[in-house]
Amino acid sequence: MCGYEAQFIVQPFGRHILTYQSSDTADAVMTVPLGQDLPGYSTSAYIWYQNGAVYDVNRLDRVDGIESLFGHDVVTFKNGISILELEDLQSRFGSLFEVTNQKIHSHLLLLGRVDAVLADGLIVANVNRQLLESADLVVRYVGHPRFEFSPIFQPTPYKMVFRQQSLAKAFDRCFDEAYSVGLIEEINERYIRPFQDLLGHRYLGF
């Protein structure tokens, strides 16, 4: 709607920032923590991740806060321990470790190797559904999991960083226009609503 077309290079979280810093193959980088300084020109926050705990209620009591997971085995995303400010609490868990590939998070959860995943609820819900709908994979999982999402962290804002200031300004202007005509709400409806059974109404107030 704003006269621009983009080509995307998809990389794991964390690596995308390193690629932007170490090469000129991209004109911009998405999903940058709002407070992180990178060469170039930052936009305003355009997306928020609602990190929380995804767990199987058949195996774990209700999670009301991070202390509910003390003594349990937990996996999170790359740099998640620092982003979620868990460094000083790490010894309180049975285990707490980071894995870059978020499909592995869901595999571990479905196999009962971890008790919870700490990550964005929508991402985990999407990966879980993909795995459970794959006939050649589902036979490996035991029982009938009932997943629940508990948003035990504050939403985390992310921005884009462009190498050209004019593009950063154009992005902010276009985002505001898209929001004003209801396009952002339509996108949320399309991509969040199918996972309402897991997320409830606890994902960014949706």
N, C-alpha and C. Protein backbone atom coordinates (compact mmCIF):
# COMPACT_ATOMS: atom_id res chain seq x y z
N MET A 1 0.81 -1.21 0.00
CA MET A 1 0.00 0.00 0.00
C MET A 1 0.85 1.27 0.00
N CYS A 2 2.14 1.12 0.23
CA CYS A 2 3.01 2.30 0.34
C CYS A 2 4.02 2.39 -0.80
N GLY A 3 3.90 1.51 -1.78
CA GLY A 3 4.75 1.62 -2.95
C GLY A 3 6.10 0.96 -2.86
N TYR A 4 6.30 0.10 -1.85
CA TYR A 4 7.58 -0.60 -1.69
C TYR A 4 7.36 -2.10 -1.78
N GLU A 5 8.36 -2.80 -2.28
CA GLU A 5 8.37 -4.26 -2.27
C GLU A 5 9.62 -4.72 -1.54
N ALA A 6 9.51 -5.85 -0.85
CA ALA A 6 10.64 -6.34 -0.05
C ALA A 6 10.94 -7.80 -0.38
N GLN A 7 12.19 -8.14 -0.31
CA GLN A 7 12.62 -9.53 -0.38
C GLN A 7 13.18 -9.90 0.99
N PHE A 8 12.78 -11.06 1.50
CA PHE A 8 13.12 -11.43 2.87
C PHE A 8 14.19 -12.52 2.91
N ILE A 9 15.11 -12.38 3.82
CA ILE A 9 16.08 -13.42 4.15
C ILE A 9 15.74 -13.87 5.57
N VAL A 10 15.28 -15.10 5.71
CA VAL A 10 14.82 -15.59 7.01
C VAL A 10 15.97 -16.28 7.73
N GLN A 11 16.26 -15.84 8.93
CA GLN A 11 17.34 -16.42 9.74
C GLN A 11 16.87 -16.56 11.18
N PRO A 12 17.52 -17.45 11.95
CA PRO A 12 17.17 -17.59 13.37
C PRO A 12 17.37 -16.28 14.12
N PHE A 13 16.60 -16.12 15.18
CA PHE A 13 16.70 -14.92 16.00
C PHE A 13 18.12 -14.78 16.55
N GLY A 14 18.68 -13.62 16.44
CA GLY A 14 20.05 -13.38 16.87
C GLY A 14 21.00 -13.37 15.70
N ARG A 15 20.91 -14.39 14.86
CA ARG A 15 21.79 -14.44 13.69
C ARG A 15 21.44 -13.33 12.71
N HIS A 16 20.15 -12.99 12.63
CA HIS A 16 19.74 -11.94 11.68
C HIS A 16 20.43 -10.61 11.99
N ILE A 17 20.62 -10.32 13.27
CA ILE A 17 21.29 -9.08 13.65
C ILE A 17 22.78 -9.15 13.31
N LEU A 18 23.38 -10.31 13.55
CA LEU A 18 24.80 -10.48 13.21
C LEU A 18 25.02 -10.33 11.71
N THR A 19 24.10 -10.88 10.91
CA THR A 19 24.21 -10.76 9.46
C THR A 19 24.14 -9.30 9.03
N TYR A 20 23.21 -8.57 9.61
CA TYR A 20 23.07 -7.14 9.28
C TYR A 20 24.34 -6.37 9.65
N GLN A 21 24.93 -6.71 10.79
CA GLN A 21 26.12 -6.00 11.25
C GLN A 21 27.37 -6.34 10.44
N SER A 22 27.44 -7.58 9.95
CA SER A 22 28.69 -8.05 9.36
C SER A 22 28.72 -8.02 7.83
N SER A 23 27.59 -7.71 7.20
CA SER A 23 27.56 -7.67 5.74
C SER A 23 26.56 -6.62 5.28
N ASP A 24 26.62 -6.32 3.99
CA ASP A 24 25.69 -5.35 3.43
C ASP A 24 24.66 -6.02 2.53
N THR A 25 24.38 -7.29 2.79
CA THR A 25 23.44 -8.03 1.95
C THR A 25 22.00 -7.59 2.18
N ALA A 26 21.72 -6.92 3.28
CA ALA A 26 20.36 -6.48 3.59
C ALA A 26 20.33 -4.98 3.80
N ASP A 27 19.25 -4.38 3.35
CA ASP A 27 19.05 -2.94 3.53
C ASP A 27 18.47 -2.60 4.89
N ALA A 28 17.94 -3.63 5.56
CA ALA A 28 17.31 -3.41 6.87
C ALA A 28 17.27 -4.72 7.62
N VAL A 29 16.99 -4.63 8.90
CA VAL A 29 16.84 -5.83 9.73
C VAL A 29 15.59 -5.66 10.59
N MET A 30 14.81 -6.72 10.67
CA MET A 30 13.57 -6.71 11.44
C MET A 30 13.81 -7.28 12.84
N THR A 31 12.83 -7.11 13.70
CA THR A 31 12.79 -7.75 15.01
C THR A 31 14.06 -7.46 15.81
N VAL A 32 14.35 -6.19 15.96
CA VAL A 32 15.48 -5.74 16.78
C VAL A 32 14.93 -5.24 18.11
N PRO A 33 15.45 -5.72 19.24
CA PRO A 33 14.98 -5.20 20.53
C PRO A 33 15.04 -3.68 20.55
N LEU A 34 13.99 -3.06 21.07
CA LEU A 34 13.83 -1.61 20.97
C LEU A 34 15.03 -0.85 21.53
N GLY A 35 15.66 -1.35 22.57
CA GLY A 35 16.76 -0.64 23.18
C GLY A 35 18.13 -0.94 22.59
N GLN A 36 18.20 -1.81 21.59
CA GLN A 36 19.50 -2.19 21.04
C GLN A 36 19.96 -1.18 19.99
N ASP A 37 21.23 -0.80 20.08
CA ASP A 37 21.82 0.14 19.13
C ASP A 37 22.48 -0.63 18.00
N LEU A 38 22.12 -0.28 16.77
CA LEU A 38 22.74 -0.85 15.58
C LEU A 38 23.06 0.28 14.62
N PRO A 39 24.03 0.07 13.73
CA PRO A 39 24.30 1.09 12.72
C PRO A 39 23.07 1.30 11.84
N GLY A 40 22.74 2.54 11.57
CA GLY A 40 21.58 2.81 10.73
C GLY A 40 20.55 3.65 11.46
N TYR A 41 19.30 3.53 11.02
CA TYR A 41 18.23 4.38 11.51
C TYR A 41 17.07 3.52 11.99
N SER A 42 16.69 3.73 13.23
CA SER A 42 15.66 2.90 13.87
C SER A 42 14.26 3.43 13.58
N THR A 43 13.32 2.51 13.50
CA THR A 43 11.90 2.86 13.44
C THR A 43 11.34 2.87 14.86
N SER A 44 10.11 3.27 14.99
CA SER A 44 9.39 3.07 16.24
C SER A 44 9.09 1.58 16.39
N ALA A 45 8.68 1.17 17.56
CA ALA A 45 8.28 -0.23 17.76
C ALA A 45 7.10 -0.55 16.84
N TYR A 46 7.19 -1.69 16.16
CA TYR A 46 6.12 -2.08 15.24
C TYR A 46 5.50 -3.43 15.61
N ILE A 47 6.14 -4.16 16.52
CA ILE A 47 5.62 -5.45 16.93
C ILE A 47 6.02 -5.70 18.38
N TRP A 48 5.17 -6.40 19.07
CA TRP A 48 5.46 -6.79 20.45
C TRP A 48 5.38 -8.30 20.53
N TYR A 49 6.37 -8.92 21.19
CA TYR A 49 6.30 -10.35 21.47
C TYR A 49 5.74 -10.53 22.88
N GLN A 50 4.79 -11.44 23.00
CA GLN A 50 4.26 -11.77 24.32
C GLN A 50 4.88 -13.08 24.77
N ASN A 51 6.03 -12.96 25.42
CA ASN A 51 6.69 -14.15 25.94
C ASN A 51 5.96 -14.66 27.17
N GLY A 52 5.99 -15.96 27.33
CA GLY A 52 5.35 -16.59 28.48
C GLY A 52 5.71 -18.05 28.51
N ALA A 53 4.97 -18.81 29.30
CA ALA A 53 5.22 -20.24 29.45
C ALA A 53 4.14 -21.03 28.71
N VAL A 54 4.57 -21.95 27.86
CA VAL A 54 3.66 -22.92 27.24
C VAL A 54 3.95 -24.27 27.87
N TYR A 55 2.91 -24.92 28.36
CA TYR A 55 3.10 -26.17 29.09
C TYR A 55 1.87 -27.06 28.91
N ASP A 56 2.03 -28.34 29.22
CA ASP A 56 0.95 -29.32 29.13
C ASP A 56 0.28 -29.42 30.50
N VAL A 57 -0.99 -29.05 30.57
CA VAL A 57 -1.68 -29.05 31.86
C VAL A 57 -1.87 -30.47 32.41
N ASN A 58 -1.68 -31.48 31.56
CA ASN A 58 -1.73 -32.85 32.05
C ASN A 58 -0.51 -33.20 32.91
N ARG A 59 0.57 -32.44 32.72
CA ARG A 59 1.82 -32.78 33.40
C ARG A 59 2.30 -31.72 34.38
N LEU A 60 1.73 -30.54 34.30
CA LEU A 60 2.23 -29.44 35.13
C LEU A 60 1.06 -28.64 35.67
N ASP A 61 1.14 -28.31 36.96
CA ASP A 61 0.11 -27.49 37.56
C ASP A 61 0.11 -26.09 36.94
N ARG A 62 -0.93 -25.36 37.21
CA ARG A 62 -1.10 -24.02 36.64
C ARG A 62 0.14 -23.15 36.90
N VAL A 63 0.57 -22.47 35.86
CA VAL A 63 1.72 -21.57 35.95
C VAL A 63 1.20 -20.14 36.10
N ASP A 64 1.44 -19.56 37.27
CA ASP A 64 0.99 -18.21 37.56
C ASP A 64 2.13 -17.19 37.55
N GLY A 65 3.36 -17.68 37.53
CA GLY A 65 4.52 -16.80 37.54
C GLY A 65 5.76 -17.64 37.34
N ILE A 66 6.89 -16.99 37.20
CA ILE A 66 8.12 -17.73 36.94
C ILE A 66 8.44 -18.70 38.06
N GLU A 67 8.05 -18.35 39.30
CA GLU A 67 8.33 -19.23 40.43
C GLU A 67 7.59 -20.56 40.32
N SER A 68 6.53 -20.61 39.54
CA SER A 68 5.80 -21.87 39.33
C SER A 68 6.66 -22.89 38.59
N LEU A 69 7.70 -22.42 37.92
CA LEU A 69 8.55 -23.31 37.13
C LEU A 69 9.84 -23.69 37.84
N PHE A 70 10.05 -23.18 39.04
CA PHE A 70 11.25 -23.54 39.78
C PHE A 70 11.24 -25.05 40.04
N GLY A 71 12.40 -25.67 39.82
CA GLY A 71 12.52 -27.11 40.00
C GLY A 71 12.17 -27.90 38.76
N HIS A 72 11.69 -27.23 37.72
CA HIS A 72 11.29 -27.92 36.49
C HIS A 72 12.30 -27.67 35.37
N ASP A 73 12.18 -28.48 34.33
CA ASP A 73 13.07 -28.38 33.17
C ASP A 73 12.42 -27.47 32.12
N VAL A 74 13.17 -26.46 31.71
CA VAL A 74 12.60 -25.41 30.87
C VAL A 74 13.58 -25.07 29.74
N VAL A 75 13.03 -24.86 28.53
CA VAL A 75 13.84 -24.44 27.39
C VAL A 75 13.35 -23.07 26.93
N THR A 76 14.29 -22.26 26.43
CA THR A 76 13.93 -20.96 25.89
C THR A 76 14.74 -20.69 24.63
N PHE A 77 14.50 -19.55 24.01
CA PHE A 77 15.11 -19.20 22.74
C PHE A 77 16.51 -18.63 22.94
N LYS A 78 17.22 -18.45 21.84
CA LYS A 78 18.57 -17.89 21.87
C LYS A 78 18.56 -16.53 22.57
N ASN A 79 19.43 -16.38 23.55
CA ASN A 79 19.53 -15.17 24.37
C ASN A 79 18.32 -14.94 25.26
N GLY A 80 17.45 -15.95 25.36
CA GLY A 80 16.24 -15.80 26.16
C GLY A 80 16.52 -15.60 27.63
N ILE A 81 17.56 -16.22 28.14
CA ILE A 81 17.85 -16.09 29.57
C ILE A 81 18.15 -14.64 29.93
N SER A 82 18.88 -13.94 29.05
CA SER A 82 19.18 -12.53 29.33
C SER A 82 18.00 -11.64 28.98
N ILE A 83 17.33 -11.89 27.86
CA ILE A 83 16.20 -11.05 27.46
C ILE A 83 15.08 -11.12 28.49
N LEU A 84 14.85 -12.32 29.04
CA LEU A 84 13.79 -12.50 30.04
C LEU A 84 14.29 -12.24 31.46
N GLU A 85 15.55 -11.84 31.57
CA GLU A 85 16.16 -11.45 32.85
C GLU A 85 16.09 -12.59 33.87
N LEU A 86 16.58 -13.76 33.44
CA LEU A 86 16.54 -14.94 34.29
C LEU A 86 17.91 -15.36 34.81
N GLU A 87 18.93 -14.55 34.55
CA GLU A 87 20.30 -14.96 34.93
C GLU A 87 20.41 -15.30 36.41
N ASP A 88 19.83 -14.48 37.25
CA ASP A 88 19.97 -14.68 38.70
C ASP A 88 19.08 -15.80 39.23
N LEU A 89 18.17 -16.29 38.39
CA LEU A 89 17.23 -17.34 38.82
C LEU A 89 17.57 -18.70 38.24
N GLN A 90 18.63 -18.76 37.42
CA GLN A 90 18.90 -19.97 36.66
C GLN A 90 19.06 -21.20 37.55
N SER A 91 19.66 -21.03 38.72
CA SER A 91 19.90 -22.17 39.61
C SER A 91 18.62 -22.69 40.25
N ARG A 92 17.53 -21.94 40.15
CA ARG A 92 16.28 -22.34 40.78
C ARG A 92 15.51 -23.37 39.95
N PHE A 93 15.87 -23.50 38.69
CA PHE A 93 15.20 -24.45 37.81
C PHE A 93 15.86 -25.82 37.89
N GLY A 94 15.11 -26.86 37.54
CA GLY A 94 15.74 -28.17 37.37
C GLY A 94 16.81 -28.07 36.30
N SER A 95 16.43 -27.44 35.19
CA SER A 95 17.37 -27.05 34.14
C SER A 95 16.73 -25.91 33.36
N LEU A 96 17.57 -25.04 32.86
CA LEU A 96 17.13 -23.93 32.03
C LEU A 96 18.18 -23.73 30.95
N PHE A 97 17.80 -23.93 29.70
CA PHE A 97 18.78 -23.87 28.63
C PHE A 97 18.16 -23.25 27.38
N GLU A 98 19.04 -22.78 26.50
CA GLU A 98 18.63 -22.10 25.28
C GLU A 98 18.84 -23.00 24.06
N VAL A 99 17.90 -22.96 23.14
CA VAL A 99 18.01 -23.65 21.86
C VAL A 99 17.54 -22.68 20.78
N THR A 100 18.34 -22.50 19.75
CA THR A 100 18.00 -21.54 18.71
C THR A 100 16.79 -21.97 17.89
N ASN A 101 16.76 -23.23 17.48
CA ASN A 101 15.68 -23.75 16.64
C ASN A 101 14.43 -23.98 17.48
N GLN A 102 13.38 -23.18 17.24
CA GLN A 102 12.21 -23.26 18.09
C GLN A 102 11.34 -24.48 17.80
N LYS A 103 11.58 -25.16 16.68
CA LYS A 103 10.90 -26.45 16.47
C LYS A 103 11.38 -27.48 17.48
N ILE A 104 12.65 -27.38 17.85
CA ILE A 104 13.18 -28.30 18.86
C ILE A 104 12.50 -28.07 20.20
N HIS A 105 12.15 -26.82 20.51
CA HIS A 105 11.41 -26.53 21.75
C HIS A 105 10.15 -27.39 21.81
N SER A 106 9.39 -27.36 20.73
CA SER A 106 8.12 -28.08 20.72
C SER A 106 8.32 -29.59 20.74
N HIS A 107 9.33 -30.07 20.03
CA HIS A 107 9.66 -31.50 20.10
C HIS A 107 9.92 -31.91 21.55
N LEU A 108 10.74 -31.15 22.23
CA LEU A 108 11.09 -31.48 23.62
C LEU A 108 9.86 -31.46 24.51
N LEU A 109 8.98 -30.49 24.29
CA LEU A 109 7.76 -30.39 25.09
C LEU A 109 6.83 -31.56 24.82
N LEU A 110 6.65 -31.89 23.56
CA LEU A 110 5.74 -32.98 23.19
C LEU A 110 6.26 -34.34 23.65
N LEU A 111 7.57 -34.48 23.69
CA LEU A 111 8.17 -35.74 24.13
C LEU A 111 8.31 -35.82 25.65
N GLY A 112 7.97 -34.75 26.34
CA GLY A 112 8.08 -34.74 27.80
C GLY A 112 9.49 -34.54 28.31
N ARG A 113 10.39 -34.07 27.45
CA ARG A 113 11.78 -33.86 27.87
C ARG A 113 11.94 -32.55 28.63
N VAL A 114 11.03 -31.61 28.40
CA VAL A 114 10.97 -30.39 29.20
C VAL A 114 9.55 -30.20 29.69
N ASP A 115 9.42 -29.44 30.75
CA ASP A 115 8.10 -29.19 31.34
C ASP A 115 7.44 -27.94 30.77
N ALA A 116 8.24 -27.03 30.24
CA ALA A 116 7.68 -25.79 29.70
C ALA A 116 8.64 -25.17 28.70
N VAL A 117 8.06 -24.39 27.80
CA VAL A 117 8.81 -23.57 26.85
C VAL A 117 8.57 -22.11 27.21
N LEU A 118 9.64 -21.35 27.33
CA LEU A 118 9.53 -19.91 27.55
C LEU A 118 9.82 -19.21 26.23
N ALA A 119 8.79 -18.67 25.62
CA ALA A 119 8.94 -18.03 24.32
C ALA A 119 7.65 -17.29 23.99
N ASP A 120 7.61 -16.70 22.82
CA ASP A 120 6.39 -16.03 22.37
C ASP A 120 5.29 -17.06 22.15
N GLY A 121 4.13 -16.81 22.75
CA GLY A 121 3.05 -17.79 22.71
C GLY A 121 2.57 -18.12 21.32
N LEU A 122 2.49 -17.14 20.44
CA LEU A 122 1.99 -17.38 19.10
C LEU A 122 2.95 -18.25 18.29
N ILE A 123 4.24 -18.01 18.45
CA ILE A 123 5.23 -18.83 17.74
C ILE A 123 5.15 -20.28 18.19
N VAL A 124 5.09 -20.51 19.49
CA VAL A 124 5.03 -21.88 20.00
C VAL A 124 3.73 -22.55 19.56
N ALA A 125 2.63 -21.84 19.61
CA ALA A 125 1.34 -22.41 19.20
C ALA A 125 1.38 -22.85 17.74
N ASN A 126 1.99 -22.04 16.89
CA ASN A 126 2.07 -22.37 15.47
C ASN A 126 2.93 -23.60 15.24
N VAL A 127 4.08 -23.66 15.89
CA VAL A 127 4.97 -24.81 15.71
C VAL A 127 4.32 -26.08 16.27
N ASN A 128 3.70 -25.98 17.44
CA ASN A 128 3.02 -27.14 18.01
C ASN A 128 1.98 -27.70 17.06
N ARG A 129 1.19 -26.82 16.46
CA ARG A 129 0.15 -27.29 15.55
C ARG A 129 0.75 -27.98 14.34
N GLN A 130 1.82 -27.42 13.79
CA GLN A 130 2.47 -28.05 12.64
C GLN A 130 2.92 -29.47 12.98
N LEU A 131 3.51 -29.64 14.14
CA LEU A 131 4.02 -30.95 14.53
C LEU A 131 2.88 -31.93 14.77
N LEU A 132 1.83 -31.48 15.44
CA LEU A 132 0.72 -32.38 15.77
C LEU A 132 -0.11 -32.74 14.55
N GLU A 133 -0.04 -31.94 13.50
CA GLU A 133 -0.77 -32.24 12.27
C GLU A 133 0.06 -33.07 11.30
N SER A 134 1.31 -33.35 11.65
CA SER A 134 2.19 -34.16 10.81
C SER A 134 2.05 -35.62 11.22
N ALA A 135 1.42 -36.42 10.36
CA ALA A 135 1.10 -37.81 10.71
C ALA A 135 2.34 -38.64 11.02
N ASP A 136 3.46 -38.36 10.34
CA ASP A 136 4.65 -39.16 10.56
C ASP A 136 5.38 -38.77 11.84
N LEU A 137 4.99 -37.66 12.45
CA LEU A 137 5.63 -37.23 13.69
C LEU A 137 4.77 -37.52 14.91
N VAL A 138 3.45 -37.39 14.76
CA VAL A 138 2.58 -37.45 15.93
C VAL A 138 2.63 -38.82 16.60
N VAL A 139 2.95 -39.87 15.83
CA VAL A 139 3.00 -41.21 16.43
C VAL A 139 4.12 -41.32 17.45
N ARG A 140 5.08 -40.40 17.42
CA ARG A 140 6.19 -40.46 18.36
C ARG A 140 5.81 -39.88 19.72
N TYR A 141 4.73 -39.14 19.78
CA TYR A 141 4.36 -38.46 21.01
C TYR A 141 3.39 -39.30 21.82
N VAL A 142 3.51 -39.19 23.11
CA VAL A 142 2.73 -40.01 24.02
C VAL A 142 1.57 -39.19 24.59
N GLY A 143 0.37 -39.81 24.60
CA GLY A 143 -0.77 -39.15 25.22
C GLY A 143 -1.38 -38.08 24.36
N HIS A 144 -2.29 -37.32 24.95
CA HIS A 144 -3.00 -36.26 24.25
C HIS A 144 -2.75 -34.95 25.00
N PRO A 145 -1.75 -34.20 24.56
CA PRO A 145 -1.38 -32.98 25.30
C PRO A 145 -2.48 -31.93 25.27
N ARG A 146 -2.60 -31.21 26.36
CA ARG A 146 -3.50 -30.05 26.45
C ARG A 146 -2.63 -28.85 26.85
N PHE A 147 -2.26 -28.09 25.87
CA PHE A 147 -1.33 -27.00 26.11
C PHE A 147 -2.05 -25.74 26.59
N GLU A 148 -1.36 -25.01 27.43
CA GLU A 148 -1.88 -23.73 27.90
C GLU A 148 -0.74 -22.71 27.86
N PHE A 149 -1.13 -21.46 27.65
CA PHE A 149 -0.16 -20.37 27.59
C PHE A 149 -0.39 -19.43 28.75
N SER A 150 0.68 -19.14 29.48
CA SER A 150 0.60 -18.20 30.59
C SER A 150 1.56 -17.04 30.32
N PRO A 151 1.06 -15.82 30.10
CA PRO A 151 1.91 -14.68 29.74
C PRO A 151 2.59 -14.07 30.97
N ILE A 152 3.61 -14.73 31.46
CA ILE A 152 4.21 -14.36 32.75
C ILE A 152 5.27 -13.26 32.62
N PHE A 153 5.49 -12.77 31.40
CA PHE A 153 6.45 -11.68 31.18
C PHE A 153 5.73 -10.48 30.55
N GLN A 154 6.32 -9.32 30.70
CA GLN A 154 5.80 -8.14 30.04
C GLN A 154 6.03 -8.25 28.53
N PRO A 155 5.12 -7.75 27.71
CA PRO A 155 5.36 -7.75 26.25
C PRO A 155 6.66 -7.02 25.92
N THR A 156 7.36 -7.54 24.92
CA THR A 156 8.66 -6.99 24.52
C THR A 156 8.54 -6.29 23.17
N PRO A 157 8.84 -4.99 23.09
CA PRO A 157 8.73 -4.26 21.82
C PRO A 157 9.96 -4.46 20.94
N TYR A 158 9.71 -4.51 19.63
CA TYR A 158 10.79 -4.65 18.65
C TYR A 158 10.61 -3.61 17.55
N LYS A 159 11.74 -3.24 16.96
CA LYS A 159 11.76 -2.23 15.90
C LYS A 159 12.45 -2.79 14.67
N MET A 160 12.50 -1.99 13.61
CA MET A 160 13.36 -2.26 12.47
C MET A 160 14.49 -1.25 12.46
N VAL A 161 15.58 -1.62 11.81
CA VAL A 161 16.69 -0.70 11.59
C VAL A 161 17.02 -0.71 10.10
N PHE A 162 17.02 0.47 9.49
CA PHE A 162 17.32 0.63 8.07
C PHE A 162 18.68 1.31 7.91
N ARG A 163 19.33 1.02 6.81
CA ARG A 163 20.59 1.70 6.51
C ARG A 163 20.33 3.13 6.00
N GLN A 164 19.15 3.35 5.42
CA GLN A 164 18.80 4.67 4.91
C GLN A 164 17.73 5.30 5.79
N GLN A 165 17.95 6.53 6.19
CA GLN A 165 17.00 7.23 7.05
C GLN A 165 15.64 7.41 6.37
N SER A 166 15.67 7.66 5.06
CA SER A 166 14.41 7.88 4.34
C SER A 166 13.51 6.66 4.39
N LEU A 167 14.10 5.47 4.36
CA LEU A 167 13.30 4.25 4.42
C LEU A 167 12.74 4.02 5.81
N ALA A 168 13.50 4.36 6.83
CA ALA A 168 13.00 4.22 8.20
C ALA A 168 11.80 5.14 8.41
N LYS A 169 11.89 6.36 7.92
CA LYS A 169 10.77 7.29 8.05
C LYS A 169 9.57 6.82 7.25
N ALA A 170 9.83 6.27 6.06
CA ALA A 170 8.73 5.77 5.23
C ALA A 170 8.04 4.59 5.89
N PHE A 171 8.81 3.74 6.55
CA PHE A 171 8.21 2.59 7.24
C PHE A 171 7.27 3.05 8.35
N ASP A 172 7.73 3.98 9.18
CA ASP A 172 6.88 4.48 10.26
C ASP A 172 5.61 5.12 9.70
N ARG A 173 5.76 5.88 8.64
CA ARG A 173 4.60 6.55 8.04
C ARG A 173 3.60 5.51 7.49
N CYS A 174 4.13 4.49 6.84
CA CYS A 174 3.27 3.46 6.26
C CYS A 174 2.59 2.63 7.35
N PHE A 175 3.32 2.32 8.42
CA PHE A 175 2.72 1.55 9.51
C PHE A 175 1.56 2.33 10.13
N ASP A 176 1.76 3.61 10.36
CA ASP A 176 0.69 4.43 10.93
C ASP A 176 -0.53 4.45 10.02
N GLU A 177 -0.29 4.52 8.72
CA GLU A 177 -1.40 4.52 7.77
C GLU A 177 -2.13 3.17 7.80
N ALA A 178 -1.36 2.08 7.83
CA ALA A 178 -1.97 0.75 7.87
C ALA A 178 -2.78 0.56 9.14
N TYR A 179 -2.29 1.09 10.23
CA TYR A 179 -3.02 0.98 11.51
C TYR A 179 -4.32 1.78 11.46
N SER A 180 -4.26 2.95 10.88
CA SER A 180 -5.42 3.84 10.87
C SER A 180 -6.57 3.28 10.04
N VAL A 181 -6.26 2.49 9.01
CA VAL A 181 -7.32 1.93 8.16
C VAL A 181 -7.72 0.52 8.58
N GLY A 182 -7.17 0.04 9.71
CA GLY A 182 -7.58 -1.25 10.24
C GLY A 182 -6.82 -2.44 9.70
N LEU A 183 -5.78 -2.21 8.90
CA LEU A 183 -5.05 -3.33 8.31
C LEU A 183 -4.29 -4.12 9.35
N ILE A 184 -3.69 -3.46 10.32
CA ILE A 184 -2.95 -4.17 11.37
C ILE A 184 -3.90 -5.06 12.17
N GLU A 185 -5.09 -4.56 12.45
CA GLU A 185 -6.08 -5.36 13.17
C GLU A 185 -6.49 -6.58 12.34
N GLU A 186 -6.62 -6.42 11.03
CA GLU A 186 -6.96 -7.55 10.16
C GLU A 186 -5.86 -8.61 10.19
N ILE A 187 -4.62 -8.17 10.19
CA ILE A 187 -3.49 -9.10 10.24
C ILE A 187 -3.52 -9.88 11.55
N ASN A 188 -3.73 -9.18 12.66
CA ASN A 188 -3.82 -9.85 13.96
C ASN A 188 -4.95 -10.87 13.98
N GLU A 189 -6.10 -10.47 13.45
CA GLU A 189 -7.25 -11.37 13.41
C GLU A 189 -6.92 -12.63 12.61
N ARG A 190 -6.26 -12.47 11.50
CA ARG A 190 -5.97 -13.60 10.63
C ARG A 190 -4.98 -14.58 11.26
N TYR A 191 -3.98 -14.05 11.94
CA TYR A 191 -2.90 -14.91 12.39
C TYR A 191 -2.97 -15.30 13.87
N ILE A 192 -3.72 -14.57 14.67
CA ILE A 192 -3.84 -14.91 16.09
C ILE A 192 -5.08 -15.73 16.37
N ARG A 193 -6.19 -15.40 15.73
CA ARG A 193 -7.47 -16.07 16.00
C ARG A 193 -7.39 -17.59 15.89
N PRO A 194 -6.70 -18.18 14.89
CA PRO A 194 -6.68 -19.64 14.79
C PRO A 194 -6.05 -20.34 15.99
N PHE A 195 -5.31 -19.60 16.81
CA PHE A 195 -4.63 -20.20 17.96
C PHE A 195 -5.26 -19.78 19.28
N GLN A 196 -6.49 -19.28 19.21
CA GLN A 196 -7.16 -18.79 20.41
C GLN A 196 -7.37 -19.90 21.44
N ASP A 197 -7.48 -21.16 20.97
CA ASP A 197 -7.70 -22.27 21.91
C ASP A 197 -6.54 -22.42 22.87
N LEU A 198 -5.32 -22.16 22.40
CA LEU A 198 -4.14 -22.23 23.28
C LEU A 198 -3.91 -20.90 23.99
N LEU A 199 -4.00 -19.82 23.25
CA LEU A 199 -3.63 -18.52 23.80
C LEU A 199 -4.70 -17.93 24.69
N GLY A 200 -5.94 -18.43 24.56
CA GLY A 200 -7.03 -17.81 25.29
C GLY A 200 -7.15 -16.36 24.86
N HIS A 201 -7.40 -15.48 25.80
CA HIS A 201 -7.43 -14.04 25.49
C HIS A 201 -6.33 -13.35 26.28
N ARG A 202 -5.18 -14.04 26.31
CA ARG A 202 -4.06 -13.55 27.11
C ARG A 202 -2.87 -13.15 26.26
N TYR A 203 -3.07 -13.12 24.93
CA TYR A 203 -1.96 -12.77 24.04
C TYR A 203 -2.13 -11.32 23.60
N LEU A 204 -1.39 -10.43 24.22
CA LEU A 204 -1.40 -9.01 23.88
C LEU A 204 -2.81 -8.42 23.93
N GLY A 205 -3.65 -9.00 24.81
CA GLY A 205 -5.00 -8.48 24.97
C GLY A 205 -5.95 -8.83 23.85
N PHE A 206 -5.51 -9.72 22.93
CA PHE A 206 -6.34 -10.04 21.77
C PHE A 206 -7.43 -11.03 22.15
